[in-house]
């Protein structure tokens, strides 16, 4: 006789307490179809990321629309874990907006969630591919609040508001904050597309936080070389001739 499967360890993530309570009730209603164990609740994407690193989680019921870090961004960070959980999104979107989920074979539950539908979604829940998450973010665009990477087996979150510059170096991008440097595996062009309102290009390989520019000057001993200096950083960053005029105009208007 086959041993019974252990209960599926589920994390509930929703910024609204009534919605979390309803999911608890609906999971209880599913007990006859699927054994589950609720291992925690989170009211935000940030809280969810902290819990998943402290507690083993098989599946996350993840609300999409949350203040700050939304569900799609949270999912992209969860995917960087060594053993990411399966994800089922919960959403108040209408059927038309859910086409992006259908096209990318991503399971989702439309609120109010029904027990039979929830049991079916959890029974087939799987890890999302990075490509699927990218396509979902294209359909529901919103710039991330954080970048992420893994160091020594732990996820590190870098607030976008703390980033001074992003510099492409071979296949990595160096992320510089006031405290230290990080290396991430993302495209500089992709980062510029997502954060173009926050960062200004100064060189083909470098973006800087526009609101941190404190000085634009000429490189000593060079006829046409220029640099920028940022608040909180003494380092001079080279500005290409192609980017200088536009950057100078932008800086004057700030």
Protein backbone atom coordinates (compact mmCIF):
# COMPACT_ATOMS: atom_id res chain seq x y z
CA UNK A 1 0.00 0.00 0.00
CA UNK A 2 1.35 3.42 -0.94
CA UNK A 3 2.21 5.76 1.92
CA UNK A 4 -0.01 8.86 2.05
CA UNK A 5 1.49 12.03 0.63
CA UNK A 6 2.46 14.60 3.27
CA UNK A 7 0.25 17.69 3.38
CA UNK A 8 1.10 20.43 0.90
CA UNK A 9 2.70 23.28 2.85
CA UNK A 10 0.94 26.47 1.77
CA UNK A 11 1.76 30.14 2.37
CA UNK A 12 -1.08 32.66 1.96
CA UNK A 13 -0.07 36.13 0.74
CA UNK A 14 -2.61 38.96 0.52
CA UNK A 15 -2.54 42.52 1.85
CA UNK A 16 -6.17 42.26 2.98
CA UNK A 17 -6.87 40.26 6.15
CA UNK A 18 -10.42 39.23 5.12
CA UNK A 19 -9.03 37.73 1.89
CA UNK A 20 -6.45 35.73 3.87
CA UNK A 21 -9.13 34.48 6.25
CA UNK A 22 -11.32 33.41 3.33
CA UNK A 23 -8.46 31.44 1.79
CA UNK A 24 -7.95 29.68 5.13
CA UNK A 25 -11.62 28.72 5.17
CA UNK A 26 -11.57 27.56 1.56
CA UNK A 27 -8.45 25.46 2.17
CA UNK A 28 -10.27 23.80 5.07
CA UNK A 29 -13.14 23.02 2.68
CA UNK A 30 -10.62 21.34 0.35
CA UNK A 31 -9.41 18.89 3.00
CA UNK A 32 -11.31 15.96 1.49
CA UNK A 33 -9.70 16.50 -1.93
CA UNK A 34 -6.20 17.63 -0.99
CA UNK A 35 -4.26 17.54 2.28
CA UNK A 36 -2.76 20.95 3.02
CA UNK A 37 -1.00 22.61 5.92
CA UNK A 38 -1.00 26.40 6.19
CA UNK A 39 2.53 27.28 7.27
CA UNK A 40 2.04 31.04 7.42
CA UNK A 41 0.41 34.21 6.20
CA UNK A 42 1.97 37.37 4.79
CA UNK A 43 0.42 40.78 4.21
CA UNK A 44 3.05 41.93 1.69
CA UNK A 45 5.51 40.66 -0.87
CA UNK A 46 8.44 41.55 1.40
CA UNK A 47 6.96 39.63 4.31
CA UNK A 48 6.37 36.63 2.04
CA UNK A 49 10.02 36.57 0.96
CA UNK A 50 11.17 36.64 4.58
CA UNK A 51 8.83 33.80 5.56
CA UNK A 52 9.79 31.55 2.65
CA UNK A 53 13.45 31.77 3.66
CA UNK A 54 12.64 30.75 7.25
CA UNK A 55 9.96 28.16 6.62
CA UNK A 56 9.73 25.30 4.11
CA UNK A 57 6.94 26.11 1.65
CA UNK A 58 5.63 23.96 -1.19
CA UNK A 59 3.12 26.40 -2.68
CA UNK A 60 2.27 30.09 -2.38
CA UNK A 61 -1.20 31.54 -2.87
CA UNK A 62 -0.08 34.97 -4.04
CA UNK A 63 -2.24 38.06 -4.49
CA UNK A 64 -1.21 40.13 -7.51
CA UNK A 65 -2.31 43.63 -6.54
CA UNK A 66 -0.55 44.65 -3.35
CA UNK A 67 0.95 48.01 -2.38
CA UNK A 68 4.71 48.30 -2.69
CA UNK A 69 6.02 44.98 -3.96
CA UNK A 70 3.21 43.38 -5.97
CA UNK A 71 2.67 39.67 -6.51
CA UNK A 72 4.43 39.53 -9.88
CA UNK A 73 7.59 41.09 -8.44
CA UNK A 74 7.42 38.82 -5.41
CA UNK A 75 7.18 35.80 -7.75
CA UNK A 76 10.25 36.91 -9.70
CA UNK A 77 12.27 37.09 -6.46
CA UNK A 78 10.93 33.75 -5.21
CA UNK A 79 12.14 32.18 -8.45
CA UNK A 80 15.73 33.02 -7.50
CA UNK A 81 15.65 30.67 -4.52
CA UNK A 82 17.51 27.36 -4.82
CA UNK A 83 14.20 25.48 -4.34
CA UNK A 84 11.43 27.89 -5.33
CA UNK A 85 7.87 27.09 -4.28
CA UNK A 86 5.03 26.55 -6.71
CA UNK A 87 2.92 29.67 -7.22
CA UNK A 88 -0.80 30.13 -7.75
CA UNK A 89 -1.85 33.74 -8.22
CA UNK A 90 -5.08 35.10 -6.78
CA UNK A 91 -6.57 38.04 -8.59
CA UNK A 92 -9.57 40.28 -8.97
CA UNK A 93 -8.75 40.81 -12.68
CA UNK A 94 -11.48 40.10 -15.22
CA UNK A 95 -11.31 37.29 -17.78
CA UNK A 96 -9.83 39.50 -20.52
CA UNK A 97 -6.89 40.58 -18.35
CA UNK A 98 -6.28 36.95 -17.36
CA UNK A 99 -5.46 35.99 -20.97
CA UNK A 100 -1.77 36.57 -20.19
CA UNK A 101 -1.96 33.88 -17.51
CA UNK A 102 -3.72 31.45 -19.84
CA UNK A 103 -1.21 32.03 -22.65
CA UNK A 104 1.72 31.33 -20.31
CA UNK A 105 0.18 28.25 -18.63
CA UNK A 106 0.24 30.01 -15.26
CA UNK A 107 -2.50 29.06 -12.84
CA UNK A 108 -4.57 31.74 -11.19
CA UNK A 109 -7.70 32.01 -9.09
CA UNK A 110 -10.26 34.76 -9.58
CA UNK A 111 -11.71 36.11 -6.34
CA UNK A 112 -13.91 35.03 -4.66
CA UNK A 113 -12.01 31.73 -4.67
CA UNK A 114 -14.01 28.50 -4.78
CA UNK A 115 -12.94 25.31 -2.97
CA UNK A 116 -13.02 22.96 -5.96
CA UNK A 117 -11.06 25.37 -8.14
CA UNK A 118 -8.49 25.96 -5.37
CA UNK A 119 -7.95 22.23 -4.81
CA UNK A 120 -7.45 21.70 -8.55
CA UNK A 121 -4.97 24.60 -8.80
CA UNK A 122 -2.89 23.41 -5.85
CA UNK A 123 -2.88 19.80 -7.05
CA UNK A 124 -1.17 20.85 -10.29
CA UNK A 125 0.77 23.86 -8.99
CA UNK A 126 4.30 24.13 -10.34
CA UNK A 127 7.31 26.39 -10.34
CA UNK A 128 7.01 29.28 -12.78
CA UNK A 129 9.61 29.73 -15.49
CA UNK A 130 11.46 33.06 -15.65
CA UNK A 131 10.09 33.52 -19.18
CA UNK A 132 6.50 33.16 -17.95
CA UNK A 133 7.03 35.78 -15.26
CA UNK A 134 8.62 38.12 -17.81
CA UNK A 135 5.59 37.78 -20.09
CA UNK A 136 3.21 38.46 -17.20
CA UNK A 137 5.12 41.60 -16.26
CA UNK A 138 4.91 42.78 -19.86
CA UNK A 139 1.13 42.32 -19.76
CA UNK A 140 0.82 44.08 -16.38
CA UNK A 141 3.83 46.44 -16.36
CA UNK A 142 5.03 47.91 -13.08
CA UNK A 143 8.66 48.62 -12.23
CA UNK A 144 10.11 46.51 -9.45
CA UNK A 145 10.80 48.05 -6.07
CA UNK A 146 13.86 45.82 -5.52
CA UNK A 147 16.50 43.90 -7.44
CA UNK A 148 17.55 40.54 -6.03
CA UNK A 149 20.39 38.07 -6.03
CA UNK A 150 21.52 35.07 -4.00
CA UNK A 151 24.57 35.23 -1.73
CA UNK A 152 25.72 32.26 0.36
CA UNK A 153 22.38 30.57 -0.14
CA UNK A 154 20.36 33.58 1.01
CA UNK A 155 18.32 36.02 -1.03
CA UNK A 156 19.55 39.61 -0.93
CA UNK A 157 17.10 42.37 -1.86
CA UNK A 158 18.44 45.71 -3.11
CA UNK A 159 15.97 48.61 -2.90
CA UNK A 160 15.93 50.42 -6.24
CA UNK A 161 15.77 53.71 -4.31
CA UNK A 162 19.23 52.94 -2.80
CA UNK A 163 20.98 52.30 -6.14
CA UNK A 164 23.49 54.92 -7.29
CA UNK A 165 24.49 53.34 -10.58
CA UNK A 166 24.23 50.21 -12.74
CA UNK A 167 27.27 49.29 -14.81
CA UNK A 168 27.49 46.45 -17.35
CA UNK A 169 30.62 44.31 -17.07
CA UNK A 170 30.81 41.21 -19.28
CA UNK A 171 27.71 39.11 -18.52
CA UNK A 172 27.02 40.80 -15.18
CA UNK A 173 25.77 44.20 -14.06
CA UNK A 174 27.42 45.87 -11.09
CA UNK A 175 24.84 47.46 -8.79
CA UNK A 176 26.35 50.21 -6.63
CA UNK A 177 24.68 51.51 -3.51
CA UNK A 178 26.13 53.85 -0.91
CA UNK A 179 27.13 50.84 1.19
CA UNK A 180 28.60 48.32 -1.29
CA UNK A 181 28.58 46.70 -4.72
CA UNK A 182 26.54 43.71 -5.92
CA UNK A 183 26.71 41.62 -9.10
CA UNK A 184 23.46 40.61 -10.80
CA UNK A 185 22.77 38.66 -13.98
CA UNK A 186 20.46 41.06 -15.78
CA UNK A 187 20.71 43.01 -19.02
CA UNK A 188 21.50 46.73 -18.73
CA UNK A 189 19.15 47.42 -21.66
CA UNK A 190 16.36 45.56 -19.86
CA UNK A 191 16.99 47.52 -16.66
CA UNK A 192 16.93 50.79 -18.60
CA UNK A 193 13.62 49.82 -20.21
CA UNK A 194 12.10 49.06 -16.80
CA UNK A 195 13.62 51.95 -14.82
CA UNK A 196 14.07 54.61 -17.51
CA UNK A 197 12.29 57.22 -15.40
CA UNK A 198 14.69 56.69 -12.49
CA UNK A 199 18.07 56.16 -14.16
CA UNK A 200 19.86 58.20 -16.84
CA UNK A 201 22.30 56.68 -19.32
CA UNK A 202 25.74 58.30 -19.20
CA UNK A 203 27.63 55.70 -21.22
CA UNK A 204 26.85 52.63 -23.28
CA UNK A 205 27.68 50.55 -20.21
CA UNK A 206 26.37 52.72 -17.36
CA UNK A 207 23.11 54.09 -15.92
CA UNK A 208 23.05 56.47 -12.95
CA UNK A 209 20.30 57.52 -10.55
CA UNK A 210 19.16 60.79 -12.11
CA UNK A 211 18.18 62.43 -8.83
CA UNK A 212 21.60 61.64 -7.31
CA UNK A 213 23.64 63.62 -9.89
CA UNK A 214 25.42 66.42 -8.04
CA UNK A 215 28.08 67.45 -10.56
CA UNK A 216 28.89 67.22 -14.26
CA UNK A 217 32.40 68.26 -15.19
CA UNK A 218 35.34 67.89 -17.56
CA UNK A 219 37.91 65.19 -17.00
CA UNK A 220 41.24 66.76 -16.04
CA UNK A 221 43.70 66.91 -18.92
CA UNK A 222 41.15 65.89 -21.57
CA UNK A 223 39.70 68.15 -24.26
CA UNK A 224 36.28 66.55 -24.55
CA UNK A 225 36.06 63.99 -21.74
CA UNK A 226 33.35 64.52 -19.10
CA UNK A 227 32.27 62.88 -15.85
CA UNK A 228 29.43 62.85 -13.37
CA UNK A 229 29.67 62.68 -9.62
CA UNK A 230 26.81 61.35 -7.51
CA UNK A 231 25.63 62.14 -4.01
CA UNK A 232 27.16 59.66 -1.59
CA UNK A 233 29.97 58.65 -3.97
CA UNK A 234 33.32 60.35 -4.64
CA UNK A 235 34.05 58.23 -7.71
CA UNK A 236 33.99 60.00 -11.09
CA UNK A 237 31.95 58.19 -13.70
CA UNK A 238 32.82 58.75 -17.35
CA UNK A 239 30.19 60.32 -19.60
CA UNK A 240 30.35 59.47 -23.29
CA UNK A 241 30.35 62.24 -25.88
CA UNK A 242 27.09 60.88 -27.27
CA UNK A 243 25.30 61.15 -23.91
CA UNK A 244 26.82 64.40 -22.64
CA UNK A 245 24.54 67.00 -24.27
CA UNK A 246 21.30 65.33 -23.28
CA UNK A 247 22.56 64.67 -19.77
CA UNK A 248 23.66 68.28 -19.37
CA UNK A 249 20.20 69.55 -20.40
CA UNK A 250 18.50 67.09 -18.08
CA UNK A 251 20.76 68.13 -15.20
CA UNK A 252 20.01 71.84 -15.77
CA UNK A 253 16.27 71.19 -15.50
CA UNK A 254 16.55 69.27 -12.24
